[in-house]
Protein backbone atom coordinates (compact mmCIF):
# COMPACT_ATOMS: atom_id res chain seq x y z
CA MET A 1 -16.23 15.71 -0.55
CA ALA A 2 -13.49 13.29 0.46
CA ILE A 3 -9.82 13.29 -0.51
CA TYR A 4 -8.27 9.93 -1.38
CA VAL A 5 -4.56 9.22 -1.73
CA LEU A 6 -4.08 5.76 -3.23
CA VAL A 7 -0.76 3.92 -2.88
CA PRO A 8 -0.24 0.75 -4.97
CA GLY A 9 1.62 -2.43 -4.18
CA ALA A 10 5.02 -3.60 -5.37
CA CYS A 11 5.78 -3.29 -9.10
CA HIS A 12 2.66 -1.18 -9.67
CA GLY A 13 2.03 2.50 -10.30
CA GLY A 14 -0.87 4.90 -10.15
CA TRP A 15 -2.23 3.28 -13.31
CA TRP A 16 -3.51 0.37 -11.15
CA TYR A 17 -6.02 2.76 -9.56
CA GLU A 18 -6.98 4.68 -12.72
CA GLN A 19 -10.54 3.37 -13.10
CA LEU A 20 -11.26 3.50 -9.38
CA ALA A 21 -9.91 7.06 -9.14
CA ALA A 22 -12.13 8.12 -12.04
CA GLU A 23 -15.18 6.62 -10.35
CA LEU A 24 -14.39 8.38 -7.07
CA ARG A 25 -14.07 11.68 -8.93
CA ASP A 26 -17.40 11.03 -10.64
CA GLU A 27 -18.88 10.83 -7.13
CA GLY A 28 -17.54 14.34 -6.44
CA HIS A 29 -14.38 13.38 -4.54
CA ARG A 30 -10.70 14.10 -5.14
CA ALA A 31 -8.42 11.15 -5.84
CA TYR A 32 -4.64 10.99 -6.12
CA PRO A 33 -3.34 7.62 -7.40
CA MET A 34 0.41 7.57 -6.77
CA THR A 35 3.35 6.22 -8.71
CA LEU A 36 6.22 5.95 -6.24
CA THR A 37 9.86 6.80 -7.00
CA GLY A 38 11.63 4.15 -9.06
CA LEU A 39 8.44 2.71 -10.53
CA GLY A 40 6.55 3.32 -13.73
CA PRO A 41 7.49 2.80 -17.39
CA GLN A 42 10.04 5.65 -17.51
CA ALA A 43 11.71 4.89 -14.17
CA ALA A 44 14.84 2.88 -13.54
CA PRO A 45 15.05 1.71 -9.90
CA THR A 46 18.34 2.36 -8.17
CA GLY A 47 19.87 1.22 -4.91
CA ALA A 48 19.21 4.70 -3.50
CA VAL A 49 15.43 4.11 -3.49
CA ASN A 50 14.35 2.67 -0.15
CA LEU A 51 11.23 2.62 2.04
CA ASP A 52 12.00 6.11 3.35
CA THR A 53 12.01 7.37 -0.24
CA HIS A 54 8.48 6.10 -0.78
CA ILE A 55 7.24 7.45 2.54
CA ASP A 56 8.72 10.81 1.55
CA ASP A 57 6.81 10.62 -1.76
CA VAL A 58 3.50 10.47 0.08
CA VAL A 59 4.37 13.08 2.68
CA ARG A 60 5.54 15.44 -0.06
CA LEU A 61 2.24 15.10 -1.93
CA LEU A 62 0.23 15.75 1.23
CA GLU A 63 2.26 18.83 2.09
CA GLU A 64 2.68 20.31 -1.39
CA GLU A 65 -1.04 19.93 -2.16
CA ASN A 66 -1.92 20.93 1.43
CA LEU A 67 -4.18 17.89 1.74
CA ARG A 68 -6.03 17.35 5.04
CA ASP A 69 -8.67 14.91 6.29
CA VAL A 70 -7.27 12.42 3.80
CA VAL A 71 -8.39 8.83 3.29
CA LEU A 72 -4.98 7.20 2.84
CA CYS A 73 -5.23 3.79 1.18
CA GLY A 74 -2.48 1.25 0.57
CA HIS A 75 -2.59 -2.10 -1.20
CA SER A 76 -0.11 -4.87 -0.35
CA TYR A 77 3.39 -3.30 -0.07
CA GLY A 78 1.59 0.06 0.02
CA GLY A 79 0.65 -0.70 3.62
CA MET A 80 4.28 -0.15 4.61
CA VAL A 81 4.27 3.23 2.89
CA ILE A 82 1.00 4.58 4.28
CA THR A 83 2.00 3.50 7.78
CA GLY A 84 5.22 5.49 7.61
CA ALA A 85 3.52 8.53 6.07
CA ALA A 86 0.72 8.51 8.63
CA ASP A 87 3.23 8.35 11.46
CA ARG A 88 4.99 11.40 10.01
CA VAL A 89 1.93 13.62 9.42
CA PRO A 90 -1.02 12.15 11.37
CA GLU A 91 -2.70 15.56 11.52
CA ARG A 92 -3.38 15.30 7.77
CA ILE A 93 -5.01 11.85 7.85
CA ALA A 94 -8.64 11.09 8.68
CA SER A 95 -8.65 7.38 7.82
CA LEU A 96 -6.21 4.62 6.96
CA VAL A 97 -7.37 1.85 4.63
CA TYR A 98 -5.17 -1.24 4.31
CA VAL A 99 -6.24 -3.49 1.46
CA ASP A 100 -4.63 -6.94 1.81
CA ALA A 101 -1.60 -5.06 3.01
CA PHE A 102 1.23 -5.02 5.51
CA VAL A 103 0.54 -3.28 8.83
CA PRO A 104 4.05 -2.99 10.26
CA GLN A 105 5.15 -2.21 13.76
CA ASP A 106 8.32 -0.29 14.57
CA GLY A 107 11.34 -2.07 13.09
CA ASP A 108 9.40 -4.35 10.75
CA SER A 109 10.26 -4.75 7.10
CA VAL A 110 8.59 -6.58 4.25
CA MET A 111 11.32 -9.21 4.57
CA SER A 112 10.71 -9.69 8.30
CA LEU A 113 6.95 -9.98 7.76
CA THR A 114 7.16 -12.64 5.04
CA ASP A 115 8.49 -16.18 4.73
CA ASP A 116 10.77 -18.09 2.38
CA HIS A 117 8.09 -18.34 -0.31
CA TRP A 118 8.20 -14.58 -0.81
CA HIS A 119 11.92 -14.24 -0.09
CA GLN A 120 12.59 -16.44 -3.10
CA TRP A 121 10.88 -13.86 -5.28
CA TYR A 122 12.49 -10.82 -3.65
CA ILE A 123 16.04 -12.18 -3.69
CA GLY A 124 15.82 -14.36 -6.78
CA GLY A 125 13.95 -11.64 -8.65
CA SER A 126 16.76 -9.17 -8.04
CA ALA A 127 19.48 -11.44 -9.41
CA GLY A 128 19.56 -9.54 -12.71
CA ASP A 129 20.92 -6.22 -11.40
CA GLY A 130 21.11 -6.79 -7.65
CA PHE A 131 18.85 -3.92 -6.67
CA SER A 132 15.46 -4.28 -8.42
CA VAL A 133 12.98 -7.14 -8.14
CA ALA A 134 11.56 -8.30 -11.47
CA PRO A 135 7.73 -8.51 -11.60
CA LEU A 136 6.19 -11.93 -11.27
CA PRO A 137 4.83 -13.34 -14.57
CA VAL A 138 1.27 -13.34 -13.16
CA LEU A 139 1.30 -9.57 -12.72
CA SER A 140 0.03 -7.05 -15.24
CA PRO A 141 2.16 -6.43 -18.36
CA ARG A 142 2.40 -2.84 -17.09
CA ALA A 143 4.18 -3.94 -13.90
CA THR A 144 7.77 -2.74 -13.55
CA PRO A 145 10.78 -3.81 -11.45
CA HIS A 146 10.56 -2.83 -7.79
CA PRO A 147 13.46 -1.42 -5.72
CA LEU A 148 14.76 -4.20 -3.46
CA ALA A 149 15.84 -1.82 -0.69
CA THR A 150 12.21 -0.85 -0.05
CA LEU A 151 11.52 -4.44 0.96
CA VAL A 152 14.59 -4.82 3.15
CA GLN A 153 14.63 -1.56 5.12
CA GLY A 154 12.95 -1.62 8.54
CA ILE A 155 10.33 1.03 9.22
CA ARG A 156 10.82 3.61 11.97
CA LEU A 157 7.65 4.55 13.83
CA THR A 158 6.99 6.87 16.77
CA GLY A 159 3.42 5.79 17.50
CA ALA A 160 1.97 9.09 16.25
CA LEU A 161 -0.30 7.30 13.79
CA ASP A 162 -2.30 5.97 16.77
CA ARG A 163 -3.95 9.41 16.77
CA ILE A 164 -5.70 8.69 13.47
CA PRO A 165 -9.38 8.13 14.26
CA ARG A 166 -10.32 5.43 11.75
CA ARG A 167 -8.41 2.38 10.55
CA GLU A 168 -9.76 -0.20 8.12
CA TYR A 169 -8.38 -3.57 7.08
CA VAL A 170 -9.59 -5.61 4.10
CA PHE A 171 -8.35 -9.20 3.96
CA CYS A 172 -8.52 -11.10 0.66
CA SER A 173 -8.94 -14.66 1.89
CA GLU A 174 -8.35 -16.51 -1.41
CA PHE A 175 -4.85 -15.10 -1.99
CA GLU A 176 -2.60 -18.15 -2.36
CA HIS A 177 0.43 -18.08 -0.05
CA THR A 178 -0.94 -14.93 1.57
CA PRO A 179 1.45 -13.23 3.98
CA PHE A 180 -1.46 -11.35 5.54
CA ALA A 181 -3.37 -14.05 7.45
CA SER A 182 -1.54 -13.31 10.70
CA THR A 183 -2.25 -9.59 10.29
CA TYR A 184 -5.94 -10.32 9.79
CA GLU A 185 -6.01 -12.51 12.91
CA ARG A 186 -4.18 -9.85 14.93
CA LEU A 187 -6.56 -7.06 13.96
CA ARG A 188 -9.95 -8.73 13.59
CA ASN A 189 -10.86 -8.43 17.29
CA ASP A 190 -9.07 -5.15 17.92
CA PRO A 191 -11.69 -2.46 18.70
CA ALA A 192 -9.47 0.19 17.12
CA TRP A 193 -9.95 -1.41 13.71
CA HIS A 194 -12.80 -2.07 11.28
CA VAL A 195 -11.88 -5.42 9.69
CA ARG A 196 -13.57 -7.34 6.90
CA SER A 197 -12.72 -10.37 4.77
CA LEU A 198 -13.55 -10.82 1.09
CA PRO A 199 -13.47 -14.27 -0.59
CA ILE A 200 -11.25 -13.09 -3.44
CA GLY A 201 -7.64 -13.16 -4.57
CA HIS A 202 -5.07 -10.45 -3.98
CA ASN A 203 -5.99 -8.36 -7.03
CA ILE A 204 -9.05 -6.62 -5.60
CA ILE A 205 -9.17 -4.21 -8.55
CA GLY A 206 -9.66 -7.15 -10.89
CA ASP A 207 -11.71 -9.43 -8.60
CA ALA A 208 -14.01 -7.04 -6.71
CA PRO A 209 -13.80 -3.45 -7.99
CA ASP A 210 -17.34 -2.60 -6.88
CA ASP A 211 -16.66 -3.83 -3.35
CA PHE A 212 -13.44 -1.81 -3.26
CA ARG A 213 -15.18 1.37 -4.38
CA LYS A 214 -17.99 0.89 -1.84
CA ILE A 215 -15.50 0.33 0.98
CA LEU A 216 -13.72 3.58 0.18
CA LEU A 217 -16.97 5.52 -0.14
CA ASP A 218 -18.21 4.11 3.17
CA VAL A 219 -15.01 5.18 4.89
CA ALA A 220 -15.52 8.74 3.67
């Protein structure tokens, strides 16, 4: 039996993983799809919610549920979160799975890892209240505003996550204006990583759910 903790991307909650989590449970595994602080239909993002808040969300789940040998998966923005959590409690993580996601180094932020195309959304999308980024129209109707500070704050890493034995990267090559091409190129020949590319858009749940499920089962 494997234990999966599933962290979604910006503007999304645990609902994005609902079907996948159910299928993993049907295979006999445990799955924890997360809705991070400040997200979800009942949540109102505030300026106090930053990247550290979301990292704390994951660490708290791992510790309160006493989860070990975890497959920790992050999609898109979720890569920032799983990196920070893994650096904090590497002894609880067996595998890291980045799905078309950020893989930051110490000091990086979402803003520093993206270009003007994405900055226009982050900054322009927060013009309404100054602290939450409105979902893009192409996202699911269930998407909710995302705390701006989580995209601006730089991550603090000690290097402890290098102790985690298995790291996977899935690159979605048909994502228009992808900010992840340089990450894919950086990791594809790194022997510490298992890297694959899928000819799909960014929404792997919608475009290739069977491939996603198989990747997670193979990791376990």
